[in-house]
Amino acid sequence: QVQVVESGGGSVQPGGSLRLSCAASGSSSSQSFMGWYRQAPGKQREFVALIESARSPNYQYQDSVKGRFTIARENGKNIAYLQMNSLTPEDTAVYFCFYNPGTTGTRPFWGQGTQVTVSS
């Protein structure tokens, strides 16, 4: 069974930074991709970012985080990072990491979420 665990959430003032980490265990695939969604109270879950592979990686970002957030993977490991800079209160949400082994017909695996709170 694949397990996905996020860490690094917390409280920060506007303009501050946080670095989220995501570790997936129980699977290994050169075709895997990982990423993040977030959900604020009373709002729908929305896509944040993804990275397809540590080998010649392709990236994708939600428009509202472009230029502020950076996603990366550690080579040879199922570990992804989300560096979040210039945070605003609108970034407050529970952030969920997903891991997809890339096998046709399989579903992604999700972490339990980590809380990010941006306030003065």
Protein backbone atom coordinates (compact mmCIF):
# COMPACT_ATOMS: atom_id res chain seq x y z
CA GLN A 1 0.00 0.00 0.00
CA VAL A 2 1.32 3.42 -0.97
CA GLN A 3 1.44 6.02 1.78
CA VAL A 4 1.78 9.76 1.25
CA VAL A 5 2.76 12.06 4.11
CA GLU A 6 3.00 15.86 4.06
CA SER A 7 4.89 18.06 6.47
CA GLY A 8 6.04 21.65 6.84
CA GLY A 9 2.76 23.45 7.35
CA GLY A 10 2.31 26.12 9.97
CA SER A 11 1.49 29.76 10.62
CA VAL A 12 3.29 32.64 8.96
CA GLN A 13 2.80 36.38 8.52
CA PRO A 14 1.89 37.88 5.15
CA GLY A 15 4.96 38.10 2.94
CA GLY A 16 6.57 35.16 4.66
CA SER A 17 7.62 31.78 3.32
CA LEU A 18 7.03 28.11 4.03
CA ARG A 19 8.43 24.94 2.53
CA LEU A 20 6.17 21.91 2.36
CA SER A 21 7.51 18.39 1.97
CA CYS A 22 5.78 15.28 0.69
CA ALA A 23 7.11 11.73 0.95
CA ALA A 24 5.52 8.76 -0.79
CA SER A 25 6.48 5.23 0.19
CA GLY A 26 5.63 1.80 -1.17
CA SER A 27 6.06 2.54 -4.87
CA SER A 28 8.77 3.40 -7.36
CA SER A 29 8.26 4.44 -10.98
CA SER A 30 10.22 6.53 -13.45
CA GLN A 31 6.88 7.67 -14.86
CA SER A 32 5.50 8.92 -11.57
CA PHE A 33 4.34 12.44 -10.95
CA MET A 34 3.51 14.32 -7.78
CA GLY A 35 1.79 17.53 -6.88
CA TRP A 36 -0.36 19.59 -4.57
CA TYR A 37 -3.96 20.65 -4.16
CA ARG A 38 -5.35 22.94 -1.47
CA GLN A 39 -8.71 23.55 0.14
CA ALA A 40 -9.74 26.62 2.11
CA PRO A 41 -12.67 26.53 4.55
CA GLY A 42 -15.97 26.60 2.69
CA LYS A 43 -14.29 26.45 -0.70
CA GLN A 44 -13.66 23.82 -3.32
CA ARG A 45 -10.38 22.00 -3.50
CA GLU A 46 -8.17 23.54 -6.17
CA PHE A 47 -5.06 22.51 -8.04
CA VAL A 48 -1.81 24.18 -7.00
CA ALA A 49 1.13 22.57 -8.79
CA LEU A 50 2.58 19.34 -10.13
CA ILE A 51 5.87 17.93 -11.32
CA GLU A 52 5.93 14.96 -13.67
CA SER A 53 9.40 13.54 -13.06
CA ALA A 54 12.80 14.36 -11.63
CA ARG A 55 14.19 13.39 -15.04
CA SER A 56 13.61 16.26 -17.47
CA PRO A 57 10.73 17.42 -15.29
CA ASN A 58 7.66 19.13 -16.63
CA TYR A 59 5.93 21.61 -14.35
CA GLN A 60 2.45 23.01 -14.03
CA TYR A 61 1.19 25.78 -11.73
CA GLN A 62 -2.13 27.33 -10.93
CA ASP A 63 -2.12 30.92 -12.18
CA SER A 64 -2.48 32.50 -8.75
CA VAL A 65 0.76 30.95 -7.47
CA LYS A 66 2.99 31.43 -10.51
CA GLY A 67 6.12 33.37 -9.63
CA ARG A 68 5.61 32.74 -5.91
CA PHE A 69 5.55 28.95 -5.52
CA THR A 70 8.11 26.46 -6.76
CA ILE A 71 7.68 22.69 -6.92
CA ALA A 72 10.64 20.32 -7.02
CA ARG A 73 11.49 16.64 -6.60
CA GLU A 74 14.47 14.94 -5.07
CA ASN A 75 16.23 12.79 -7.67
CA GLY A 76 15.75 9.08 -7.19
CA LYS A 77 13.21 9.49 -4.42
CA ASN A 78 9.46 9.93 -4.11
CA ILE A 79 9.87 13.23 -2.34
CA ALA A 80 8.38 16.51 -3.51
CA TYR A 81 8.72 20.01 -2.14
CA LEU A 82 6.60 23.10 -2.45
CA GLN A 83 8.48 26.32 -1.72
CA MET A 84 5.95 29.04 -1.02
CA ASN A 85 7.10 32.66 -0.99
CA SER A 86 5.29 35.99 -0.67
CA LEU A 87 2.42 34.30 1.09
CA THR A 88 -0.89 36.10 1.48
CA PRO A 89 -3.98 35.35 3.61
CA GLU A 90 -5.60 33.98 0.45
CA ASP A 91 -3.08 31.14 0.55
CA THR A 92 -4.53 29.90 3.84
CA ALA A 93 -5.75 26.35 3.29
CA VAL A 94 -5.11 22.70 3.95
CA TYR A 95 -2.56 21.54 1.41
CA PHE A 96 -2.81 17.99 0.10
CA CYS A 97 -0.04 16.13 -1.69
CA PHE A 98 -0.67 13.41 -4.24
CA TYR A 99 1.50 10.73 -5.76
CA ASN A 100 0.68 8.95 -9.00
CA PRO A 101 2.89 6.02 -10.06
CA GLY A 102 1.93 6.65 -13.70
CA THR A 103 0.62 3.15 -14.34
CA THR A 104 -2.33 3.16 -16.71
CA GLY A 105 -5.62 2.69 -14.89
CA THR A 106 -4.31 3.39 -11.39
CA ARG A 107 -5.55 6.12 -9.10
CA PRO A 108 -3.40 8.71 -7.36
CA PHE A 109 -2.61 8.38 -3.67
CA TRP A 110 -3.28 11.26 -1.32
CA GLY A 111 -1.78 12.52 1.89
CA GLN A 112 -3.75 13.59 4.94
CA GLY A 113 -3.10 17.29 4.43
CA THR A 114 -1.09 19.94 6.23
CA GLN A 115 -2.49 23.26 7.44
CA VAL A 116 -1.04 26.54 6.17
CA THR A 117 -2.25 29.71 7.87
CA VAL A 118 -1.21 33.18 6.73
CA SER A 119 -2.26 36.01 9.03
CA SER A 120 -0.92 39.06 10.82
